[in-house]
N, C-alpha and C. Protein backbone atom coordinates (compact mmCIF):
# COMPACT_ATOMS: atom_id res chain seq x y z
N MET A 1 34.76 -12.10 -21.69
CA MET A 1 34.12 -13.39 -21.60
C MET A 1 32.69 -13.26 -22.11
N LYS A 2 32.19 -14.35 -22.68
CA LYS A 2 30.82 -14.37 -23.19
C LYS A 2 29.84 -14.55 -22.04
N ILE A 3 28.56 -14.34 -22.32
CA ILE A 3 27.56 -14.37 -21.27
C ILE A 3 27.48 -15.74 -20.57
N GLY A 4 27.68 -16.82 -21.31
CA GLY A 4 27.67 -18.15 -20.70
C GLY A 4 28.83 -18.33 -19.73
N GLU A 5 29.98 -17.78 -20.08
CA GLU A 5 31.14 -17.85 -19.19
C GLU A 5 30.91 -17.01 -17.94
N LEU A 6 30.31 -15.83 -18.11
CA LEU A 6 30.00 -14.99 -16.96
C LEU A 6 28.97 -15.67 -16.06
N ALA A 7 28.01 -16.32 -16.67
CA ALA A 7 27.00 -17.04 -15.90
C ALA A 7 27.65 -18.15 -15.08
N ALA A 8 28.55 -18.89 -15.68
CA ALA A 8 29.24 -19.97 -14.97
C ALA A 8 30.13 -19.42 -13.85
N ALA A 9 30.80 -18.32 -14.11
CA ALA A 9 31.71 -17.74 -13.12
C ALA A 9 30.96 -17.09 -11.95
N SER A 10 29.75 -16.60 -12.22
CA SER A 10 29.03 -15.87 -11.18
C SER A 10 27.91 -16.68 -10.54
N GLY A 11 27.51 -17.77 -11.18
CA GLY A 11 26.40 -18.55 -10.66
C GLY A 11 25.04 -17.91 -10.94
N ILE A 12 25.00 -17.00 -11.90
CA ILE A 12 23.77 -16.30 -12.27
C ILE A 12 23.43 -16.66 -13.71
N THR A 13 22.17 -16.92 -13.97
CA THR A 13 21.78 -17.35 -15.30
C THR A 13 21.96 -16.25 -16.34
N PRO A 14 22.16 -16.63 -17.60
CA PRO A 14 22.26 -15.62 -18.65
C PRO A 14 21.01 -14.73 -18.72
N LYS A 15 19.84 -15.32 -18.51
CA LYS A 15 18.60 -14.54 -18.53
C LYS A 15 18.63 -13.45 -17.46
N THR A 16 19.10 -13.80 -16.25
CA THR A 16 19.18 -12.82 -15.16
C THR A 16 20.22 -11.77 -15.47
N ILE A 17 21.32 -12.17 -16.06
CA ILE A 17 22.37 -11.20 -16.44
C ILE A 17 21.79 -10.18 -17.42
N ARG A 18 21.05 -10.65 -18.41
CA ARG A 18 20.43 -9.71 -19.37
C ARG A 18 19.42 -8.81 -18.65
N PHE A 19 18.67 -9.37 -17.71
CA PHE A 19 17.72 -8.57 -16.94
C PHE A 19 18.45 -7.48 -16.15
N TYR A 20 19.58 -7.84 -15.53
CA TYR A 20 20.36 -6.86 -14.77
C TYR A 20 20.88 -5.75 -15.68
N GLU A 21 21.22 -6.08 -16.90
CA GLU A 21 21.63 -5.04 -17.86
C GLU A 21 20.47 -4.10 -18.12
N GLU A 22 19.28 -4.65 -18.38
CA GLU A 22 18.10 -3.83 -18.65
C GLU A 22 17.72 -2.99 -17.43
N ALA A 23 17.93 -3.55 -16.22
CA ALA A 23 17.59 -2.84 -14.98
C ALA A 23 18.63 -1.78 -14.61
N GLY A 24 19.76 -1.78 -15.29
CA GLY A 24 20.77 -0.76 -15.05
C GLY A 24 21.73 -1.04 -13.92
N VAL A 25 21.79 -2.29 -13.45
CA VAL A 25 22.76 -2.60 -12.40
C VAL A 25 24.03 -3.23 -12.97
N LEU A 26 23.95 -3.66 -14.20
CA LEU A 26 25.14 -4.19 -14.89
C LEU A 26 25.26 -3.41 -16.19
N PRO A 27 26.40 -2.74 -16.38
CA PRO A 27 26.55 -1.96 -17.61
C PRO A 27 26.49 -2.86 -18.84
N GLU A 28 25.95 -2.29 -19.90
CA GLU A 28 25.91 -3.04 -21.14
C GLU A 28 27.36 -3.26 -21.61
N PRO A 29 27.70 -4.51 -21.91
CA PRO A 29 29.09 -4.79 -22.28
C PRO A 29 29.38 -4.41 -23.73
N THR A 30 30.64 -4.41 -24.03
CA THR A 30 31.03 -4.22 -25.43
C THR A 30 30.59 -5.47 -26.19
N ARG A 31 30.61 -5.38 -27.49
CA ARG A 31 30.21 -6.51 -28.33
C ARG A 31 31.38 -6.93 -29.20
N THR A 32 31.45 -8.23 -29.43
CA THR A 32 32.47 -8.74 -30.35
C THR A 32 32.03 -8.39 -31.77
N LEU A 33 32.89 -8.62 -32.73
CA LEU A 33 32.54 -8.34 -34.13
C LEU A 33 31.33 -9.17 -34.57
N SER A 34 31.17 -10.33 -33.98
CA SER A 34 30.03 -11.18 -34.35
C SER A 34 28.79 -10.87 -33.51
N GLY A 35 28.86 -9.85 -32.63
CA GLY A 35 27.69 -9.40 -31.90
C GLY A 35 27.50 -10.00 -30.52
N TYR A 36 28.41 -10.86 -30.09
CA TYR A 36 28.28 -11.45 -28.76
C TYR A 36 28.68 -10.44 -27.69
N ARG A 37 28.02 -10.53 -26.55
CA ARG A 37 28.40 -9.69 -25.41
C ARG A 37 29.80 -10.11 -24.95
N ASP A 38 30.61 -9.12 -24.60
CA ASP A 38 31.99 -9.39 -24.16
C ASP A 38 32.20 -8.70 -22.82
N TYR A 39 32.10 -9.48 -21.74
CA TYR A 39 32.19 -8.96 -20.38
C TYR A 39 33.62 -9.00 -19.87
N GLY A 40 33.98 -8.01 -19.07
CA GLY A 40 35.28 -8.00 -18.41
C GLY A 40 35.19 -8.72 -17.07
N PRO A 41 36.33 -9.01 -16.45
CA PRO A 41 36.34 -9.72 -15.17
C PRO A 41 35.65 -8.95 -14.05
N GLU A 42 35.57 -7.63 -14.17
CA GLU A 42 34.90 -6.83 -13.14
C GLU A 42 33.40 -7.12 -13.07
N SER A 43 32.84 -7.70 -14.11
CA SER A 43 31.42 -8.03 -14.13
C SER A 43 31.08 -9.11 -13.10
N VAL A 44 32.01 -10.03 -12.87
CA VAL A 44 31.79 -11.07 -11.85
C VAL A 44 31.66 -10.42 -10.48
N ASP A 45 32.58 -9.50 -10.16
CA ASP A 45 32.54 -8.80 -8.87
C ASP A 45 31.24 -8.01 -8.72
N ARG A 46 30.83 -7.36 -9.78
CA ARG A 46 29.62 -6.55 -9.72
C ARG A 46 28.39 -7.43 -9.49
N LEU A 47 28.32 -8.55 -10.17
CA LEU A 47 27.20 -9.46 -9.99
C LEU A 47 27.18 -10.03 -8.57
N GLN A 48 28.35 -10.32 -8.04
CA GLN A 48 28.42 -10.81 -6.65
C GLN A 48 27.93 -9.73 -5.68
N PHE A 49 28.28 -8.49 -5.95
CA PHE A 49 27.78 -7.39 -5.12
C PHE A 49 26.26 -7.31 -5.19
N VAL A 50 25.70 -7.41 -6.38
CA VAL A 50 24.25 -7.33 -6.55
C VAL A 50 23.58 -8.45 -5.76
N ARG A 51 24.11 -9.65 -5.84
CA ARG A 51 23.53 -10.78 -5.10
C ARG A 51 23.58 -10.54 -3.59
N ARG A 52 24.70 -10.03 -3.10
CA ARG A 52 24.83 -9.76 -1.66
C ARG A 52 23.86 -8.66 -1.22
N ALA A 53 23.71 -7.65 -2.04
CA ALA A 53 22.79 -6.56 -1.71
C ALA A 53 21.35 -7.06 -1.68
N GLN A 54 21.00 -7.90 -2.64
CA GLN A 54 19.65 -8.45 -2.65
C GLN A 54 19.43 -9.39 -1.46
N ALA A 55 20.46 -10.13 -1.08
CA ALA A 55 20.35 -11.02 0.09
C ALA A 55 20.12 -10.21 1.36
N ALA A 56 20.55 -8.95 1.36
CA ALA A 56 20.33 -8.06 2.50
C ALA A 56 18.96 -7.39 2.42
N GLY A 57 18.18 -7.76 1.40
CA GLY A 57 16.83 -7.22 1.28
C GLY A 57 16.72 -5.94 0.49
N LEU A 58 17.78 -5.55 -0.20
CA LEU A 58 17.74 -4.30 -0.96
C LEU A 58 17.07 -4.54 -2.31
N SER A 59 16.34 -3.54 -2.76
CA SER A 59 15.69 -3.61 -4.07
C SER A 59 16.71 -3.31 -5.17
N LEU A 60 16.36 -3.64 -6.39
CA LEU A 60 17.26 -3.30 -7.50
C LEU A 60 17.41 -1.79 -7.64
N ARG A 61 16.37 -1.05 -7.31
CA ARG A 61 16.47 0.42 -7.35
C ARG A 61 17.54 0.89 -6.37
N GLU A 62 17.52 0.34 -5.17
CA GLU A 62 18.52 0.72 -4.16
C GLU A 62 19.92 0.28 -4.59
N VAL A 63 20.01 -0.90 -5.16
CA VAL A 63 21.31 -1.40 -5.64
C VAL A 63 21.82 -0.49 -6.75
N ARG A 64 20.93 -0.10 -7.65
CA ARG A 64 21.32 0.80 -8.75
C ARG A 64 21.82 2.13 -8.21
N GLN A 65 21.18 2.66 -7.17
CA GLN A 65 21.62 3.92 -6.56
C GLN A 65 23.02 3.78 -5.96
N ILE A 66 23.24 2.68 -5.26
CA ILE A 66 24.56 2.44 -4.64
C ILE A 66 25.62 2.35 -5.72
N LEU A 67 25.32 1.60 -6.77
CA LEU A 67 26.29 1.44 -7.86
C LEU A 67 26.53 2.76 -8.59
N ALA A 68 25.51 3.60 -8.68
CA ALA A 68 25.69 4.90 -9.33
C ALA A 68 26.66 5.76 -8.53
N VAL A 69 26.55 5.71 -7.20
CA VAL A 69 27.50 6.45 -6.35
C VAL A 69 28.91 5.91 -6.59
N HIS A 70 29.03 4.60 -6.60
CA HIS A 70 30.34 3.96 -6.82
C HIS A 70 30.89 4.33 -8.20
N ASP A 71 30.04 4.23 -9.22
CA ASP A 71 30.49 4.49 -10.59
C ASP A 71 30.88 5.94 -10.81
N SER A 72 30.37 6.84 -9.96
CA SER A 72 30.75 8.25 -10.09
C SER A 72 32.10 8.53 -9.44
N GLY A 73 32.68 7.51 -8.80
CA GLY A 73 33.99 7.66 -8.19
C GLY A 73 33.95 7.93 -6.70
N ASP A 74 32.75 8.02 -6.13
CA ASP A 74 32.62 8.26 -4.69
C ASP A 74 32.51 6.93 -3.95
N ALA A 75 32.87 6.96 -2.68
CA ALA A 75 32.72 5.78 -1.83
C ALA A 75 31.26 5.68 -1.39
N PRO A 76 30.58 4.58 -1.67
CA PRO A 76 29.15 4.47 -1.38
C PRO A 76 28.82 3.95 0.01
N CYS A 77 29.81 3.68 0.84
CA CYS A 77 29.55 3.01 2.12
C CYS A 77 28.66 3.82 3.05
N GLY A 78 28.76 5.14 3.05
CA GLY A 78 27.86 5.96 3.85
C GLY A 78 26.43 5.81 3.37
N HIS A 79 26.25 5.80 2.07
CA HIS A 79 24.92 5.60 1.49
C HIS A 79 24.40 4.20 1.82
N VAL A 80 25.27 3.21 1.73
CA VAL A 80 24.89 1.82 2.05
C VAL A 80 24.43 1.74 3.50
N ARG A 81 25.17 2.38 4.39
CA ARG A 81 24.80 2.37 5.82
C ARG A 81 23.40 2.94 6.00
N HIS A 82 23.12 4.04 5.33
CA HIS A 82 21.80 4.67 5.42
C HIS A 82 20.71 3.74 4.87
N VAL A 83 20.95 3.16 3.71
CA VAL A 83 19.96 2.27 3.08
C VAL A 83 19.71 1.05 3.95
N LEU A 84 20.76 0.48 4.52
CA LEU A 84 20.59 -0.69 5.38
C LEU A 84 19.81 -0.33 6.65
N GLY A 85 20.05 0.85 7.19
CA GLY A 85 19.29 1.30 8.35
C GLY A 85 17.81 1.45 8.04
N GLU A 86 17.51 2.01 6.87
CA GLU A 86 16.11 2.15 6.45
C GLU A 86 15.47 0.77 6.25
N ARG A 87 16.22 -0.13 5.65
CA ARG A 87 15.69 -1.48 5.42
C ARG A 87 15.42 -2.19 6.74
N LEU A 88 16.31 -2.03 7.71
CA LEU A 88 16.11 -2.64 9.02
C LEU A 88 14.85 -2.09 9.68
N ASN A 89 14.63 -0.79 9.57
CA ASN A 89 13.41 -0.19 10.11
C ASN A 89 12.16 -0.76 9.44
N GLN A 90 12.22 -0.97 8.13
CA GLN A 90 11.10 -1.57 7.41
C GLN A 90 10.84 -2.99 7.89
N VAL A 91 11.90 -3.76 8.07
CA VAL A 91 11.75 -5.15 8.53
C VAL A 91 11.15 -5.18 9.93
N ARG A 92 11.60 -4.30 10.79
CA ARG A 92 11.05 -4.25 12.15
C ARG A 92 9.56 -3.89 12.12
N ALA A 93 9.17 -2.98 11.26
CA ALA A 93 7.76 -2.63 11.13
C ALA A 93 6.95 -3.82 10.61
N GLN A 94 7.51 -4.55 9.66
CA GLN A 94 6.83 -5.74 9.14
C GLN A 94 6.66 -6.79 10.23
N ILE A 95 7.67 -6.96 11.04
CA ILE A 95 7.59 -7.93 12.14
C ILE A 95 6.47 -7.54 13.09
N THR A 96 6.37 -6.26 13.42
CA THR A 96 5.31 -5.79 14.30
C THR A 96 3.94 -6.08 13.69
N GLU A 97 3.79 -5.79 12.39
CA GLU A 97 2.53 -6.07 11.71
C GLU A 97 2.22 -7.57 11.70
N LEU A 98 3.22 -8.39 11.50
CA LEU A 98 3.02 -9.84 11.48
C LEU A 98 2.62 -10.38 12.85
N VAL A 99 3.20 -9.84 13.90
CA VAL A 99 2.83 -10.27 15.25
C VAL A 99 1.37 -9.90 15.52
N THR A 100 0.96 -8.72 15.09
CA THR A 100 -0.44 -8.32 15.25
C THR A 100 -1.36 -9.25 14.46
N LEU A 101 -0.98 -9.56 13.24
CA LEU A 101 -1.76 -10.47 12.41
C LEU A 101 -1.83 -11.87 13.04
N GLU A 102 -0.71 -12.33 13.57
CA GLU A 102 -0.68 -13.64 14.23
C GLU A 102 -1.68 -13.68 15.39
N THR A 103 -1.69 -12.65 16.20
CA THR A 103 -2.62 -12.58 17.33
C THR A 103 -4.06 -12.60 16.84
N HIS A 104 -4.35 -11.85 15.80
CA HIS A 104 -5.70 -11.80 15.24
C HIS A 104 -6.11 -13.18 14.70
N LEU A 105 -5.22 -13.84 13.97
CA LEU A 105 -5.54 -15.16 13.42
C LEU A 105 -5.77 -16.19 14.52
N GLU A 106 -4.95 -16.13 15.56
CA GLU A 106 -5.15 -17.03 16.69
C GLU A 106 -6.52 -16.81 17.33
N ALA A 107 -6.91 -15.54 17.47
CA ALA A 107 -8.22 -15.23 18.05
C ALA A 107 -9.35 -15.75 17.16
N LEU A 108 -9.21 -15.61 15.85
CA LEU A 108 -10.23 -16.11 14.94
C LEU A 108 -10.34 -17.63 15.01
N LEU A 109 -9.22 -18.32 15.08
CA LEU A 109 -9.25 -19.78 15.16
C LEU A 109 -9.84 -20.25 16.48
N THR A 110 -9.52 -19.57 17.55
CA THR A 110 -10.13 -19.90 18.85
C THR A 110 -11.63 -19.66 18.77
N HIS A 111 -12.03 -18.56 18.20
CA HIS A 111 -13.44 -18.23 18.00
C HIS A 111 -14.13 -19.33 17.18
N ALA A 112 -13.47 -19.81 16.13
CA ALA A 112 -14.04 -20.86 15.28
C ALA A 112 -14.23 -22.16 16.06
N ARG A 113 -13.28 -22.50 16.91
CA ARG A 113 -13.38 -23.73 17.70
C ARG A 113 -14.48 -23.64 18.75
N GLN A 114 -14.76 -22.45 19.23
CA GLN A 114 -15.76 -22.25 20.28
C GLN A 114 -17.13 -21.92 19.72
N GLY A 115 -17.25 -21.82 18.42
CA GLY A 115 -18.49 -21.37 17.81
C GLY A 115 -19.64 -22.34 18.01
N GLU A 116 -20.81 -21.78 17.97
CA GLU A 116 -22.04 -22.55 18.08
C GLU A 116 -22.39 -23.14 16.72
N PRO A 117 -22.96 -24.33 16.70
CA PRO A 117 -23.32 -24.94 15.42
C PRO A 117 -24.30 -24.12 14.59
N THR A 118 -25.11 -23.29 15.23
CA THR A 118 -26.09 -22.51 14.48
C THR A 118 -25.59 -21.12 14.12
N ASP A 119 -24.38 -20.75 14.55
CA ASP A 119 -23.85 -19.41 14.25
C ASP A 119 -23.83 -19.13 12.75
N HIS A 120 -23.57 -20.15 11.96
CA HIS A 120 -23.45 -19.93 10.52
C HIS A 120 -24.78 -19.57 9.86
N ASP A 121 -25.89 -19.88 10.53
CA ASP A 121 -27.19 -19.58 9.96
C ASP A 121 -27.41 -18.08 9.78
N LYS A 122 -26.79 -17.25 10.60
CA LYS A 122 -26.99 -15.80 10.56
C LYS A 122 -25.95 -15.10 9.68
N ALA A 123 -25.00 -15.83 9.15
CA ALA A 123 -23.90 -15.22 8.41
C ALA A 123 -24.22 -15.10 6.92
N ALA A 124 -23.70 -14.05 6.33
CA ALA A 124 -23.85 -13.88 4.88
C ALA A 124 -22.94 -14.85 4.13
N VAL A 125 -21.73 -15.05 4.68
CA VAL A 125 -20.78 -15.96 4.03
C VAL A 125 -20.21 -16.95 5.04
N CYS A 126 -19.52 -16.45 6.05
CA CYS A 126 -18.91 -17.33 7.06
C CYS A 126 -18.90 -16.64 8.40
N TRP A 127 -19.59 -17.22 9.36
CA TRP A 127 -19.74 -16.62 10.69
C TRP A 127 -18.42 -16.38 11.39
N ILE A 128 -17.38 -17.15 11.06
CA ILE A 128 -16.09 -17.00 11.74
C ILE A 128 -15.53 -15.60 11.52
N LEU A 129 -15.66 -15.11 10.30
CA LEU A 129 -15.14 -13.78 9.98
C LEU A 129 -16.17 -12.68 10.20
N GLU A 130 -17.43 -13.04 10.32
CA GLU A 130 -18.49 -12.03 10.42
C GLU A 130 -18.92 -11.72 11.85
N THR A 131 -18.51 -12.50 12.79
CA THR A 131 -18.84 -12.22 14.18
C THR A 131 -17.57 -11.95 14.95
N GLU A 132 -17.70 -11.17 15.98
CA GLU A 132 -16.52 -10.80 16.77
C GLU A 132 -16.10 -11.96 17.66
N PRO A 133 -14.81 -12.23 17.72
CA PRO A 133 -14.32 -13.25 18.66
C PRO A 133 -14.65 -12.83 20.09
N ARG A 134 -14.97 -13.81 20.90
CA ARG A 134 -15.25 -13.54 22.30
C ARG A 134 -13.95 -13.28 23.04
N GLU A 135 -14.04 -12.44 24.01
CA GLU A 135 -12.88 -12.15 24.88
C GLU A 135 -12.50 -13.40 25.65
N ALA A 136 -11.23 -13.62 25.83
CA ALA A 136 -10.77 -14.75 26.65
C ALA A 136 -11.12 -14.48 28.11
N PRO A 137 -11.60 -15.52 28.83
CA PRO A 137 -11.98 -15.31 30.23
C PRO A 137 -10.79 -15.00 31.10
């Protein structure tokens, strides 16, 4: 099938399909005599796998590694389990960082609401960020 047909069958744009070829997650297809890309039906399955992996938060590098294991004839599920576990740990760390940031932003906004009208006179740029928030009583 031509790239437009693959795009219609997979729901992925031709531009993205070409990008996936360059990124190494979709093998370069054979070419017709007139030079058009000629994809097999397995390309639809592969593109669907790539979309699902990305929806799980995996990078193209990680997807490429999983596909390399698969393409070598080995079952990649053990590797997938490991990669998903690492990704979950990263997400949990990001959540922790975001909660800390949320607390800090709330403190700054409370500080801004409680600020004195003349506080800005002593600031180089903005007193809200240049003075320490007061402790809550």
